[in-house]
Structures are given as structure tokens and as C-alpha cells.
């Protein structure tokens, strides 16, 4: 991780060179986390945690965001009282060209095939 959190409002993120493929794939292997990433990719802007309407408890939602952040898939920052989330697209595309788009597209096709959307 880059630097440990200085306060409860500073969230640790891995540096670009610390992001590992196996961590990214693990983070994206969960349907709820993949759903979060799909929504972030579709919007292309930072979204607050409260934007996401996931069918899980608040503590489970927090866990999913933490896994995505610690794997290097998303960056979380506080803006006022809101925790904002954005894809680390530049880092992921630089390290693993085409991976993010391929996974998001495949997830969208699967969701349409299964009638989940």
C-alpha cells in the first residue's frame, strides 16, 4: 500500500506498481463488486457509495468497496461527508490493456443473457 491512513478520512490505496492481476481478478470475481464496477464504468464519473442500491447489508457493501479499493480497482476519496468512488481506469489500462473493458463487456452480455438487468 502507498501510505497508511493518516486519519479515518484518508483511505489507503495501492500504488500503481503494487496492483496485481490476481488481486484485480479476485475483486471482480464477486457479482456485487462486478456490478459496482459496471456502474462506475457506465457513468465514467465518481459516484458516492449511497448511489449504489445493492441487495446486501450496509456492512457487506462497505466490505465490497474495501476489496475493490485495496485491489486497486477503484479509488475512494471523501468529498465533504460523501465517500466518492471512481475507477482507476488509467492504472488498470496501463497495467492490463483491455482487461477492464473486456470484463465489463462480458458481464453486460451475461447479464443480458440471464435477464438480470
PDB file of N, CA and C in Angstrom:
ATOM      1  N   UNK A   1       0.847  -1.179   0.000  1.00  0.00           N
ATOM      2  CA  UNK A   1       0.000   0.000   0.000  1.00  0.00           C
ATOM      3  C   UNK A   1       0.889   1.238   0.000  1.00  0.00           C
ATOM      4  N   UNK A   2       0.370   2.302  -0.560  1.00  0.00           N
ATOM      5  CA  UNK A   2       1.152   3.532  -0.630  1.00  0.00           C
ATOM      6  C   UNK A   2       1.530   3.969   0.773  1.00  0.00           C
ATOM      7  N   UNK A   3       0.693   4.680   1.446  1.00  0.00           N
ATOM      8  CA  UNK A   3       0.999   5.077   2.807  1.00  0.00           C
ATOM      9  C   UNK A   3      -0.176   4.697   3.692  1.00  0.00           C
ATOM     10  N   UNK A   4       0.093   4.381   4.948  1.00  0.00           N
ATOM     11  CA  UNK A   4      -1.008   4.044   5.832  1.00  0.00           C
ATOM     12  C   UNK A   4      -1.906   5.252   6.029  1.00  0.00           C
ATOM     13  N   UNK A   5      -3.138   4.990   6.356  1.00  0.00           N
ATOM     14  CA  UNK A   5      -4.093   6.070   6.546  1.00  0.00           C
ATOM     15  C   UNK A   5      -3.616   6.987   7.678  1.00  0.00           C
ATOM     16  N   UNK A   6      -3.656   8.287   7.408  1.00  0.00           N
ATOM     17  CA  UNK A   6      -3.246   9.272   8.393  1.00  0.00           C
ATOM     18  C   UNK A   6      -4.387   9.551   9.356  1.00  0.00           C
ATOM     19  N   UNK A   7      -5.591   9.559   8.834  1.00  0.00           N
ATOM     20  CA  UNK A   7      -6.779   9.723   9.667  1.00  0.00           C
ATOM     21  C   UNK A   7      -7.855   8.814   9.100  1.00  0.00           C
ATOM     22  N   UNK A   8      -8.981   8.763   9.792  1.00  0.00           N
ATOM     23  CA  UNK A   8     -10.061   7.896   9.320  1.00  0.00           C
ATOM     24  C   UNK A   8     -10.634   8.383   7.988  1.00  0.00           C
ATOM     25  N   UNK A   9     -10.292   9.590   7.577  1.00  0.00           N
ATOM     26  CA  UNK A   9     -10.795  10.128   6.315  1.00  0.00           C
ATOM     27  C   UNK A   9      -9.814   9.920   5.166  1.00  0.00           C
ATOM     28  N   UNK A  10      -8.605   9.465   5.456  1.00  0.00           N
ATOM     29  CA  UNK A  10      -7.619   9.151   4.426  1.00  0.00           C
ATOM     30  C   UNK A  10      -7.620   7.640   4.226  1.00  0.00           C
ATOM     31  N   UNK A  11      -7.893   7.226   3.019  1.00  0.00           N
ATOM     32  CA  UNK A  11      -8.011   5.801   2.739  1.00  0.00           C
ATOM     33  C   UNK A  11      -6.774   5.299   1.999  1.00  0.00           C
ATOM     34  N   UNK A  12      -6.192   4.176   2.440  1.00  0.00           N
ATOM     35  CA  UNK A  12      -5.005   3.647   1.759  1.00  0.00           C
ATOM     36  C   UNK A  12      -5.376   2.995   0.426  1.00  0.00           C
ATOM     37  N   UNK A  13      -4.532   3.244  -0.558  1.00  0.00           N
ATOM     38  CA  UNK A  13      -4.680   2.661  -1.891  1.00  0.00           C
ATOM     39  C   UNK A  13      -3.330   2.103  -2.321  1.00  0.00           C
ATOM     40  N   UNK A  14      -3.324   0.998  -3.062  1.00  0.00           N
ATOM     41  CA  UNK A  14      -2.036   0.518  -3.561  1.00  0.00           C
ATOM     42  C   UNK A  14      -1.511   1.468  -4.637  1.00  0.00           C
ATOM     43  N   UNK A  15      -0.207   1.634  -4.657  1.00  0.00           N
ATOM     44  CA  UNK A  15       0.417   2.387  -5.742  1.00  0.00           C
ATOM     45  C   UNK A  15       0.240   1.582  -7.026  1.00  0.00           C
ATOM     46  N   UNK A  16       0.345   2.256  -8.152  1.00  0.00           N
ATOM     47  CA  UNK A  16       0.149   1.572  -9.433  1.00  0.00           C
ATOM     48  C   UNK A  16       1.016   0.318  -9.558  1.00  0.00           C
ATOM     49  N   UNK A  17       2.277   0.421  -9.172  1.00  0.00           N
ATOM     50  CA  UNK A  17       3.173  -0.735  -9.321  1.00  0.00           C
ATOM     51  C   UNK A  17       2.911  -1.835  -8.297  1.00  0.00           C
ATOM     52  N   UNK A  18       2.025  -1.601  -7.351  1.00  0.00           N
ATOM     53  CA  UNK A  18       1.641  -2.624  -6.366  1.00  0.00           C
ATOM     54  C   UNK A  18       0.384  -3.385  -6.773  1.00  0.00           C
ATOM     55  N   UNK A  19      -0.305  -2.938  -7.817  1.00  0.00           N
ATOM     56  CA  UNK A  19      -1.537  -3.597  -8.255  1.00  0.00           C
ATOM     57  C   UNK A  19      -1.162  -4.904  -8.944  1.00  0.00           C
ATOM     58  N   UNK A  20      -1.785  -5.989  -8.513  1.00  0.00           N
ATOM     59  CA  UNK A  20      -1.504  -7.319  -9.043  1.00  0.00           C
ATOM     60  C   UNK A  20      -2.730  -7.877  -9.752  1.00  0.00           C
ATOM     61  N   UNK A  21      -2.493  -8.545 -10.861  1.00  0.00           N
ATOM     62  CA  UNK A  21      -3.570  -9.115 -11.661  1.00  0.00           C
ATOM     63  C   UNK A  21      -4.450 -10.036 -10.834  1.00  0.00           C
ATOM     64  N   UNK A  22      -3.849 -10.907 -10.028  1.00  0.00           N
ATOM     65  CA  UNK A  22      -4.655 -11.852  -9.257  1.00  0.00           C
ATOM     66  C   UNK A  22      -5.567 -11.145  -8.259  1.00  0.00           C
ATOM     67  N   UNK A  23      -5.141 -10.012  -7.716  1.00  0.00           N
ATOM     68  CA  UNK A  23      -5.987  -9.242  -6.798  1.00  0.00           C
ATOM     69  C   UNK A  23      -7.145  -8.591  -7.536  1.00  0.00           C
ATOM     70  N   UNK A  24      -6.862  -8.068  -8.714  1.00  0.00           N
ATOM     71  CA  UNK A  24      -7.914  -7.446  -9.533  1.00  0.00           C
ATOM     72  C   UNK A  24      -8.946  -8.495  -9.934  1.00  0.00           C
ATOM     73  N   UNK A  25      -8.470  -9.653 -10.408  1.00  0.00           N
ATOM     74  CA  UNK A  25      -9.399 -10.703 -10.824  1.00  0.00           C
ATOM     75  C   UNK A  25     -10.209 -11.231  -9.648  1.00  0.00           C
ATOM     76  N   UNK A  26      -9.578 -11.355  -8.488  1.00  0.00           N
ATOM     77  CA  UNK A  26     -10.314 -11.781  -7.294  1.00  0.00           C
ATOM     78  C   UNK A  26     -11.409 -10.769  -6.956  1.00  0.00           C
ATOM     79  N   UNK A  27     -11.053  -9.495  -6.971  1.00  0.00           N
ATOM     80  CA  UNK A  27     -12.037  -8.451  -6.644  1.00  0.00           C
ATOM     81  C   UNK A  27     -13.217  -8.482  -7.604  1.00  0.00           C
ATOM     82  N   UNK A  28     -12.940  -8.736  -8.873  1.00  0.00           N
ATOM     83  CA  UNK A  28     -14.002  -8.716  -9.883  1.00  0.00           C
ATOM     84  C   UNK A  28     -14.726 -10.050 -10.015  1.00  0.00           C
ATOM     85  N   UNK A  29     -14.335 -11.044  -9.238  1.00  0.00           N
ATOM     86  CA  UNK A  29     -14.996 -12.352  -9.319  1.00  0.00           C
ATOM     87  C   UNK A  29     -16.312 -12.389  -8.556  1.00  0.00           C
ATOM     88  N   UNK A  30     -16.576 -11.384  -7.741  1.00  0.00           N
ATOM     89  CA  UNK A  30     -17.819 -11.337  -6.972  1.00  0.00           C
ATOM     90  C   UNK A  30     -18.875 -10.552  -7.748  1.00  0.00           C
ATOM     91  N   UNK A  31     -20.091 -11.076  -7.872  1.00  0.00           N
ATOM     92  CA  UNK A  31     -21.137 -10.399  -8.654  1.00  0.00           C
ATOM     93  C   UNK A  31     -21.463  -8.982  -8.174  1.00  0.00           C
ATOM     94  N   UNK A  32     -21.458  -8.740  -6.861  1.00  0.00           N
ATOM     95  CA  UNK A  32     -21.773  -7.398  -6.362  1.00  0.00           C
ATOM     96  C   UNK A  32     -20.658  -6.425  -6.709  1.00  0.00           C
ATOM     97  N   UNK A  33     -19.418  -6.865  -6.575  1.00  0.00           N
ATOM     98  CA  UNK A  33     -18.302  -5.973  -6.908  1.00  0.00           C
ATOM     99  C   UNK A  33     -18.242  -5.706  -8.407  1.00  0.00           C
ATOM    100  N   UNK A  34     -18.527  -6.716  -9.197  1.00  0.00           N
ATOM    101  CA  UNK A  34     -18.563  -6.525 -10.648  1.00  0.00           C
ATOM    102  C   UNK A  34     -19.688  -5.561 -11.018  1.00  0.00           C
ATOM    103  N   UNK A  35     -20.795  -5.647 -10.320  1.00  0.00           N
ATOM    104  CA  UNK A  35     -21.917  -4.720 -10.545  1.00  0.00           C
ATOM    105  C   UNK A  35     -21.502  -3.277 -10.256  1.00  0.00           C
ATOM    106  N   UNK A  36     -20.782  -3.082  -9.159  1.00  0.00           N
ATOM    107  CA  UNK A  36     -20.289  -1.746  -8.811  1.00  0.00           C
ATOM    108  C   UNK A  36     -19.384  -1.217  -9.919  1.00  0.00           C
ATOM    109  N   UNK A  37     -18.463  -2.058 -10.382  1.00  0.00           N
ATOM    110  CA  UNK A  37     -17.522  -1.651 -11.425  1.00  0.00           C
ATOM    111  C   UNK A  37     -18.251  -1.343 -12.723  1.00  0.00           C
ATOM    112  N   UNK A  38     -19.246  -2.149 -13.074  1.00  0.00           N
ATOM    113  CA  UNK A  38     -20.031  -1.887 -14.289  1.00  0.00           C
ATOM    114  C   UNK A  38     -20.711  -0.525 -14.204  1.00  0.00           C
ATOM    115  N   UNK A  39     -21.274  -0.203 -13.055  1.00  0.00           N
ATOM    116  CA  UNK A  39     -21.949   1.093 -12.901  1.00  0.00           C
ATOM    117  C   UNK A  39     -20.951   2.242 -12.954  1.00  0.00           C
ATOM    118  N   UNK A  40     -19.795   2.069 -12.353  1.00  0.00           N
ATOM    119  CA  UNK A  40     -18.765   3.108 -12.426  1.00  0.00           C
ATOM    120  C   UNK A  40     -18.275   3.287 -13.853  1.00  0.00           C
ATOM    121  N   UNK A  41     -18.102   2.187 -14.565  1.00  0.00           N
ATOM    122  CA  UNK A  41     -17.629   2.258 -15.954  1.00  0.00           C
ATOM    123  C   UNK A  41     -18.668   2.922 -16.855  1.00  0.00           C
ATOM    124  N   UNK A  42     -19.936   2.666 -16.610  1.00  0.00           N
ATOM    125  CA  UNK A  42     -21.012   3.241 -17.428  1.00  0.00           C
ATOM    126  C   UNK A  42     -21.134   4.742 -17.202  1.00  0.00           C
ATOM    127  N   UNK A  43     -20.918   5.196 -15.979  1.00  0.00           N
ATOM    128  CA  UNK A  43     -21.088   6.610 -15.656  1.00  0.00           C
ATOM    129  C   UNK A  43     -19.837   7.418 -15.961  1.00  0.00           C
ATOM    130  N   UNK A  44     -18.660   6.841 -15.768  1.00  0.00           N
ATOM    131  CA  UNK A  44     -17.369   7.480 -16.013  1.00  0.00           C
ATOM    132  C   UNK A  44     -17.088   8.686 -15.120  1.00  0.00           C
ATOM    133  N   UNK A  45     -17.856   8.850 -14.062  1.00  0.00           N
ATOM    134  CA  UNK A  45     -17.610   9.895 -13.069  1.00  0.00           C
ATOM    135  C   UNK A  45     -17.540   9.237 -11.706  1.00  0.00           C
ATOM    136  N   UNK A  46     -17.066   9.988 -10.724  1.00  0.00           N
ATOM    137  CA  UNK A  46     -17.102   9.484  -9.361  1.00  0.00           C
ATOM    138  C   UNK A  46     -18.543   9.372  -8.901  1.00  0.00           C
ATOM    139  N   UNK A  47     -18.831   8.306  -8.174  1.00  0.00           N
ATOM    140  CA  UNK A  47     -20.166   8.096  -7.621  1.00  0.00           C
ATOM    141  C   UNK A  47     -20.046   7.842  -6.128  1.00  0.00           C
ATOM    142  N   UNK A  48     -20.988   8.357  -5.366  1.00  0.00           N
ATOM    143  CA  UNK A  48     -20.954   8.131  -3.917  1.00  0.00           C
ATOM    144  C   UNK A  48     -21.399   6.712  -3.601  1.00  0.00           C
ATOM    145  N   UNK A  49     -20.998   6.236  -2.455  1.00  0.00           N
ATOM    146  CA  UNK A  49     -21.401   4.890  -2.025  1.00  0.00           C
ATOM    147  C   UNK A  49     -22.920   4.775  -1.968  1.00  0.00           C
ATOM    148  N   UNK A  50     -23.587   5.845  -1.567  1.00  0.00           N
ATOM    149  CA  UNK A  50     -25.049   5.799  -1.440  1.00  0.00           C
ATOM    150  C   UNK A  50     -25.752   5.710  -2.796  1.00  0.00           C
ATOM    151  N   UNK A  51     -25.056   5.978  -3.885  1.00  0.00           N
ATOM    152  CA  UNK A  51     -25.634   5.862  -5.228  1.00  0.00           C
ATOM    153  C   UNK A  51     -26.008   4.418  -5.542  1.00  0.00           C
ATOM    154  N   UNK A  52     -25.229   3.477  -5.018  1.00  0.00           N
ATOM    155  CA  UNK A  52     -25.389   2.070  -5.352  1.00  0.00           C
ATOM    156  C   UNK A  52     -26.474   1.430  -4.496  1.00  0.00           C
ATOM    157  N   UNK A  53     -27.433   0.799  -5.166  1.00  0.00           N
ATOM    158  CA  UNK A  53     -28.526   0.119  -4.486  1.00  0.00           C
ATOM    159  C   UNK A  53     -28.279  -1.387  -4.588  1.00  0.00           C
ATOM    160  N   UNK A  54     -27.474  -1.895  -3.660  1.00  0.00           N
ATOM    161  CA  UNK A  54     -27.115  -3.302  -3.688  1.00  0.00           C
ATOM    162  C   UNK A  54     -28.007  -4.095  -2.736  1.00  0.00           C
ATOM    163  N   UNK A  55     -28.367  -5.321  -3.101  1.00  0.00           N
ATOM    164  CA  UNK A  55     -29.251  -6.137  -2.265  1.00  0.00           C
ATOM    165  C   UNK A  55     -28.496  -6.849  -1.137  1.00  0.00           C
ATOM    166  N   UNK A  56     -27.639  -6.104  -0.444  1.00  0.00           N
ATOM    167  CA  UNK A  56     -26.866  -6.645   0.672  1.00  0.00           C
ATOM    168  C   UNK A  56     -26.869  -5.618   1.799  1.00  0.00           C
ATOM    169  N   UNK A  57     -26.409  -6.031   2.971  1.00  0.00           N
ATOM    170  CA  UNK A  57     -26.383  -5.115   4.115  1.00  0.00           C
ATOM    171  C   UNK A  57     -25.352  -4.009   3.897  1.00  0.00           C
ATOM    172  N   UNK A  58     -25.477  -2.964   4.691  1.00  0.00           N
ATOM    173  CA  UNK A  58     -24.531  -1.848   4.593  1.00  0.00           C
ATOM    174  C   UNK A  58     -23.112  -2.316   4.896  1.00  0.00           C
ATOM    175  N   UNK A  59     -22.954  -3.190   5.888  1.00  0.00           N
ATOM    176  CA  UNK A  59     -21.603  -3.667   6.221  1.00  0.00           C
ATOM    177  C   UNK A  59     -21.014  -4.505   5.088  1.00  0.00           C
ATOM    178  N   UNK A  60     -21.841  -5.273   4.400  1.00  0.00           N
ATOM    179  CA  UNK A  60     -21.361  -6.059   3.263  1.00  0.00           C
ATOM    180  C   UNK A  60     -20.997  -5.140   2.103  1.00  0.00           C
ATOM    181  N   UNK A  61     -21.790  -4.106   1.883  1.00  0.00           N
ATOM    182  CA  UNK A  61     -21.479  -3.121   0.847  1.00  0.00           C
ATOM    183  C   UNK A  61     -20.127  -2.466   1.141  1.00  0.00           C
ATOM    184  N   UNK A  62     -19.908  -2.086   2.395  1.00  0.00           N
ATOM    185  CA  UNK A  62     -18.636  -1.493   2.798  1.00  0.00           C
ATOM    186  C   UNK A  62     -17.483  -2.451   2.514  1.00  0.00           C
ATOM    187  N   UNK A  63     -17.692  -3.715   2.816  1.00  0.00           N
ATOM    188  CA  UNK A  63     -16.661  -4.734   2.544  1.00  0.00           C
ATOM    189  C   UNK A  63     -16.333  -4.786   1.050  1.00  0.00           C
ATOM    190  N   UNK A  64     -17.366  -4.789   0.196  1.00  0.00           N
ATOM    191  CA  UNK A  64     -17.139  -4.862  -1.249  1.00  0.00           C
ATOM    192  C   UNK A  64     -16.327  -3.666  -1.748  1.00  0.00           C
ATOM    193  N   UNK A  65     -16.654  -2.474  -1.272  1.00  0.00           N
ATOM    194  CA  UNK A  65     -15.896  -1.288  -1.673  1.00  0.00           C
ATOM    195  C   UNK A  65     -14.448  -1.373  -1.187  1.00  0.00           C
ATOM    196  N   UNK A  66     -14.240  -1.896   0.024  1.00  0.00           N
ATOM    197  CA  UNK A  66     -12.884  -2.031   0.558  1.00  0.00           C
ATOM    198  C   UNK A  66     -12.061  -2.992  -0.294  1.00  0.00           C
ATOM    199  N   UNK A  67     -12.646  -4.123  -0.684  1.00  0.00           N
ATOM    200  CA  UNK A  67     -11.930  -5.087  -1.526  1.00  0.00           C
ATOM    201  C   UNK A  67     -11.554  -4.451  -2.861  1.00  0.00           C
ATOM    202  N   UNK A  68     -12.480  -3.715  -3.460  1.00  0.00           N
ATOM    203  CA  UNK A  68     -12.190  -3.051  -4.732  1.00  0.00           C
ATOM    204  C   UNK A  68     -11.081  -2.013  -4.577  1.00  0.00           C
ATOM    205  N   UNK A  69     -11.113  -1.260  -3.480  1.00  0.00           N
ATOM    206  CA  UNK A  69     -10.085  -0.236  -3.244  1.00  0.00           C
ATOM    207  C   UNK A  69      -8.732  -0.871  -2.976  1.00  0.00           C
ATOM    208  N   UNK A  70      -8.690  -1.870  -2.110  1.00  0.00           N
ATOM    209  CA  UNK A  70      -7.416  -2.479  -1.739  1.00  0.00           C
ATOM    210  C   UNK A  70      -6.782  -3.279  -2.876  1.00  0.00           C
ATOM    211  N   UNK A  71      -7.590  -3.693  -3.841  1.00  0.00           N
ATOM    212  CA  UNK A  71      -7.041  -4.409  -5.003  1.00  0.00           C
ATOM    213  C   UNK A  71      -6.555  -3.438  -6.078  1.00  0.00           C
ATOM    214  N   UNK A  72      -6.926  -2.167  -5.946  1.00  0.00           N
ATOM    215  CA  UNK A  72      -6.503  -1.165  -6.929  1.00  0.00           C
ATOM    216  C   UNK A  72      -7.498  -0.935  -8.054  1.00  0.00           C
ATOM    217  N   UNK A  73      -8.703  -1.491  -7.933  1.00  0.00           N
ATOM    218  CA  UNK A  73      -9.712  -1.325  -8.985  1.00  0.00           C
ATOM    219  C   UNK A  73     -10.358   0.050  -8.907  1.00  0.00           C
ATOM    220  N   UNK A  74     -10.610   0.536  -7.687  1.00  0.00           N
ATOM    221  CA  UNK A  74     -11.234   1.850  -7.517  1.00  0.00           C
ATOM    222  C   UNK A  74     -10.388   2.723  -6.611  1.00  0.00           C
ATOM    223  N   UNK A  75     -10.654   4.023  -6.694  1.00  0.00           N
ATOM    224  CA  UNK A  75     -10.074   4.993  -5.770  1.00  0.00           C
ATOM    225  C   UNK A  75     -11.247   5.590  -5.008  1.00  0.00           C
ATOM    226  N   UNK A  76     -11.089   5.674  -3.694  1.00  0.00           N
ATOM    227  CA  UNK A  76     -12.114   6.275  -2.844  1.00  0.00           C
ATOM    228  C   UNK A  76     -11.542   7.511  -2.167  1.00  0.00           C
ATOM    229  N   UNK A  77     -12.305   8.590  -2.215  1.00  0.00           N
ATOM    230  CA  UNK A  77     -11.918   9.825  -1.549  1.00  0.00           C
ATOM    231  C   UNK A  77     -13.155  10.436  -0.914  1.00  0.00           C
ATOM    232  N   UNK A  78     -12.931  11.134   0.179  1.00  0.00           N
ATOM    233  CA  UNK A  78     -14.029  11.868   0.802  1.00  0.00           C
ATOM    234  C   UNK A  78     -14.170  13.220   0.132  1.00  0.00           C
ATOM    235  N   UNK A  79     -15.396  13.557  -0.189  1.00  0.00           N
ATOM    236  CA  UNK A  79     -15.748  14.892  -0.675  1.00  0.00           C
ATOM    237  C   UNK A  79     -16.840  15.368   0.274  1.00  0.00           C
ATOM    238  N   UNK A  80     -16.454  16.211   1.222  1.00  0.00           N
ATOM    239  CA  UNK A  80     -17.390  16.589   2.273  1.00  0.00           C
ATOM    240  C   UNK A  80     -17.680  15.355   3.113  1.00  0.00           C
ATOM    241  N   UNK A  81     -18.945  15.021   3.246  1.00  0.00           N
ATOM    242  CA  UNK A  81     -19.310  13.850   4.041  1.00  0.00           C
ATOM    243  C   UNK A  81     -19.510  12.599   3.182  1.00  0.00           C
ATOM    244  N   UNK A  82     -19.424  12.758   1.871  1.00  0.00           N
ATOM    245  CA  UNK A  82     -19.648  11.617   0.970  1.00  0.00           C
ATOM    246  C   UNK A  82     -18.320  10.940   0.622  1.00  0.00           C
ATOM    247  N   UNK A  83     -18.361   9.620   0.597  1.00  0.00           N
ATOM    248  CA  UNK A  83     -17.210   8.846   0.113  1.00  0.00           C
ATOM    249  C   UNK A  83     -17.462   8.595  -1.360  1.00  0.00           C
ATOM    250  N   UNK A  84     -16.589   9.161  -2.202  1.00  0.00           N
ATOM    251  CA  UNK A  84     -16.749   9.061  -3.642  1.00  0.00           C
ATOM    252  C   UNK A  84     -15.860   7.956  -4.199  1.00  0.00           C
ATOM    253  N   UNK A  85     -16.370   7.293  -5.227  1.00  0.00           N
ATOM    254  CA  UNK A  85     -15.694   6.149  -5.825  1.00  0.00           C
ATOM    255  C   UNK A  85     -15.495   6.375  -7.306  1.00  0.00           C
ATOM    256  N   UNK A  86     -14.294   6.070  -7.781  1.00  0.00           N
ATOM    257  CA  UNK A  86     -14.006   6.171  -9.205  1.00  0.00           C
ATOM    258  C   UNK A  86     -13.105   5.023  -9.628  1.00  0.00           C
ATOM    259  N   UNK A  87     -13.287   4.569 -10.841  1.00  0.00           N
ATOM    260  CA  UNK A  87     -12.430   3.516 -11.374  1.00  0.00           C
ATOM    261  C   UNK A  87     -11.013   4.040 -11.553  1.00  0.00           C
ATOM    262  N   UNK A  88     -10.052   3.197 -11.331  1.00  0.00           N
ATOM    263  CA  UNK A  88      -8.654   3.551 -11.607  1.00  0.00           C
ATOM    264  C   UNK A  88      -8.336   3.079 -13.028  1.00  0.00           C
ATOM    265  N   UNK A  89      -9.133   3.563 -13.953  1.00  0.00           N
ATOM    266  CA  UNK A  89      -9.051   3.125 -15.346  1.00  0.00           C
ATOM    267  C   UNK A  89      -7.657   3.332 -15.938  1.00  0.00           C
ATOM    268  N   UNK A  90      -7.054   4.497 -15.730  1.00  0.00           N
ATOM    269  CA  UNK A  90      -5.729   4.749 -16.303  1.00  0.00           C
ATOM    270  C   UNK A  90      -4.707   3.733 -15.795  1.00  0.00           C
ATOM    271  N   UNK A  91      -4.739   3.464 -14.493  1.00  0.00           N
ATOM    272  CA  UNK A  91      -3.800   2.499 -13.921  1.00  0.00           C
ATOM    273  C   UNK A  91      -4.073   1.096 -14.459  1.00  0.00           C
ATOM    274  N   UNK A  92      -5.328   0.684 -14.461  1.00  0.00           N
ATOM    275  CA  UNK A  92      -5.664  -0.669 -14.913  1.00  0.00           C
ATOM    276  C   UNK A  92      -5.388  -0.851 -16.403  1.00  0.00           C
ATOM    277  N   UNK A  93      -5.748   0.147 -17.211  1.00  0.00           N
ATOM    278  CA  UNK A  93      -5.483   0.043 -18.649  1.00  0.00           C
ATOM    279  C   UNK A  93      -3.985   0.058 -18.945  1.00  0.00           C
ATOM    280  N   UNK A  94      -3.225   0.800 -18.153  1.00  0.00           N
ATOM    281  CA  UNK A  94      -1.783   0.827 -18.342  1.00  0.00           C
ATOM    282  C   UNK A  94      -1.121  -0.493 -17.976  1.00  0.00           C
ATOM    283  N   UNK A  95      -1.607  -1.115 -16.914  1.00  0.00           N
ATOM    284  CA  UNK A  95      -1.029  -2.382 -16.461  1.00  0.00           C
ATOM    285  C   UNK A  95      -1.554  -3.588 -17.237  1.00  0.00           C
ATOM    286  N   UNK A  96      -2.859  -3.576 -17.527  1.00  0.00           N
ATOM    287  CA  UNK A  96      -3.533  -4.722 -18.149  1.00  0.00           C
ATOM    288  C   UNK A  96      -4.414  -4.221 -19.298  1.00  0.00           C
ATOM    289  N   UNK A  97      -3.800  -3.836 -20.413  1.00  0.00           N
ATOM    290  CA  UNK A  97      -4.562  -3.233 -21.516  1.00  0.00           C
ATOM    291  C   UNK A  97      -5.750  -4.099 -21.954  1.00  0.00           C
ATOM    292  N   UNK A  98      -6.917  -3.473 -21.990  1.00  0.00           N
ATOM    293  CA  UNK A  98      -8.128  -4.132 -22.467  1.00  0.00           C
ATOM    294  C   UNK A  98      -8.855  -4.976 -21.440  1.00  0.00           C
ATOM    295  N   UNK A  99      -8.231  -5.255 -20.298  1.00  0.00           N
ATOM    296  CA  UNK A  99      -8.847  -6.147 -19.317  1.00  0.00           C
ATOM    297  C   UNK A  99     -10.168  -5.596 -18.784  1.00  0.00           C
ATOM    298  N   UNK A 100     -10.153  -4.357 -18.332  1.00  0.00           N
ATOM    299  CA  UNK A 100     -11.351  -3.774 -17.727  1.00  0.00           C
ATOM    300  C   UNK A 100     -12.510  -3.739 -18.719  1.00  0.00           C
ATOM    301  N   UNK A 101     -12.267  -3.246 -19.926  1.00  0.00           N
ATOM    302  CA  UNK A 101     -13.332  -3.181 -20.928  1.00  0.00           C
ATOM    303  C   UNK A 101     -13.850  -4.567 -21.285  1.00  0.00           C
ATOM    304  N   UNK A 102     -12.949  -5.535 -21.410  1.00  0.00           N
ATOM    305  CA  UNK A 102     -13.351  -6.899 -21.752  1.00  0.00           C
ATOM    306  C   UNK A 102     -14.239  -7.488 -20.661  1.00  0.00           C
ATOM    307  N   UNK A 103     -13.846  -7.310 -19.395  1.00  0.00           N
ATOM    308  CA  UNK A 103     -14.636  -7.866 -18.299  1.00  0.00           C
ATOM    309  C   UNK A 103     -15.986  -7.175 -18.155  1.00  0.00           C
ATOM    310  N   UNK A 104     -16.001  -5.867 -18.298  1.00  0.00           N
ATOM    311  CA  UNK A 104     -17.262  -5.121 -18.190  1.00  0.00           C
ATOM    312  C   UNK A 104     -18.196  -5.519 -19.333  1.00  0.00           C
ATOM    313  N   UNK A 105     -17.665  -5.628 -20.552  1.00  0.00           N
ATOM    314  CA  UNK A 105     -18.490  -6.050 -21.697  1.00  0.00           C
ATOM    315  C   UNK A 105     -19.015  -7.470 -21.506  1.00  0.00           C
ATOM    316  N   UNK A 106     -18.171  -8.372 -21.048  1.00  0.00           N
ATOM    317  CA  UNK A 106     -18.594  -9.759 -20.829  1.00  0.00           C
ATOM    318  C   UNK A 106     -19.670  -9.832 -19.753  1.00  0.00           C
ATOM    319  N   UNK A 107     -19.524  -9.044 -18.699  1.00  0.00           N
ATOM    320  CA  UNK A 107     -20.519  -9.027 -17.627  1.00  0.00           C
ATOM    321  C   UNK A 107     -21.855  -8.480 -18.135  1.00  0.00           C
ATOM    322  N   UNK A 108     -21.808  -7.473 -18.988  1.00  0.00           N
ATOM    323  CA  UNK A 108     -23.041  -6.919 -19.556  1.00  0.00           C
ATOM    324  C   UNK A 108     -23.735  -7.948 -20.448  1.00  0.00           C
ATOM    325  N   UNK A 109     -22.954  -8.660 -21.264  1.00  0.00           N
ATOM    326  CA  UNK A 109     -23.545  -9.699 -22.123  1.00  0.00           C
ATOM    327  C   UNK A 109     -24.158 -10.816 -21.289  1.00  0.00           C
ATOM    328  N   UNK A 110     -23.464 -11.228 -20.243  1.00  0.00           N
ATOM    329  CA  UNK A 110     -24.001 -12.286 -19.384  1.00  0.00           C
ATOM    330  C   UNK A 110     -25.275 -11.835 -18.684  1.00  0.00           C
ATOM    331  N   UNK A 111     -25.272 -10.611 -18.195  1.00  0.00           N
ATOM    332  CA  UNK A 111     -26.444 -10.085 -17.513  1.00  0.00           C
ATOM    333  C   UNK A 111     -27.639 -10.032 -18.460  1.00  0.00           C
ATOM    334  N   UNK A 112     -27.411  -9.610 -19.705  1.00  0.00           N
ATOM    335  CA  UNK A 112     -28.496  -9.565 -20.692  1.00  0.00           C
ATOM    336  C   UNK A 112     -28.976 -10.968 -21.024  1.00  0.00           C
ATOM    337  N   UNK A 113     -28.045 -11.901 -21.158  1.00  0.00           N
ATOM    338  CA  UNK A 113     -28.397 -13.291 -21.472  1.00  0.00           C
ATOM    339  C   UNK A 113     -29.231 -13.923 -20.369  1.00  0.00           C
ATOM    340  N   UNK A 114     -28.903 -13.591 -19.127  1.00  0.00           N
ATOM    341  CA  UNK A 114     -29.619 -14.160 -17.982  1.00  0.00           C
ATOM    342  C   UNK A 114     -30.827 -13.336 -17.568  1.00  0.00           C
ATOM    343  N   UNK A 115     -30.999 -12.191 -18.226  1.00  0.00           N
ATOM    344  CA  UNK A 115     -32.141 -11.325 -17.896  1.00  0.00           C
ATOM    345  C   UNK A 115     -32.020 -10.672 -16.535  1.00  0.00           C
ATOM    346  N   UNK A 116     -30.794 -10.413 -16.110  1.00  0.00           N
ATOM    347  CA  UNK A 116     -30.563  -9.837 -14.777  1.00  0.00           C
ATOM    348  C   UNK A 116     -30.713  -8.323 -14.749  1.00  0.00           C
ATOM    349  N   UNK A 117     -30.672  -7.666 -15.897  1.00  0.00           N
ATOM    350  CA  UNK A 117     -30.775  -6.197 -15.904  1.00  0.00           C
ATOM    351  C   UNK A 117     -32.199  -5.746 -16.082  1.00  0.00           C
TER     352      UNK A 117
END
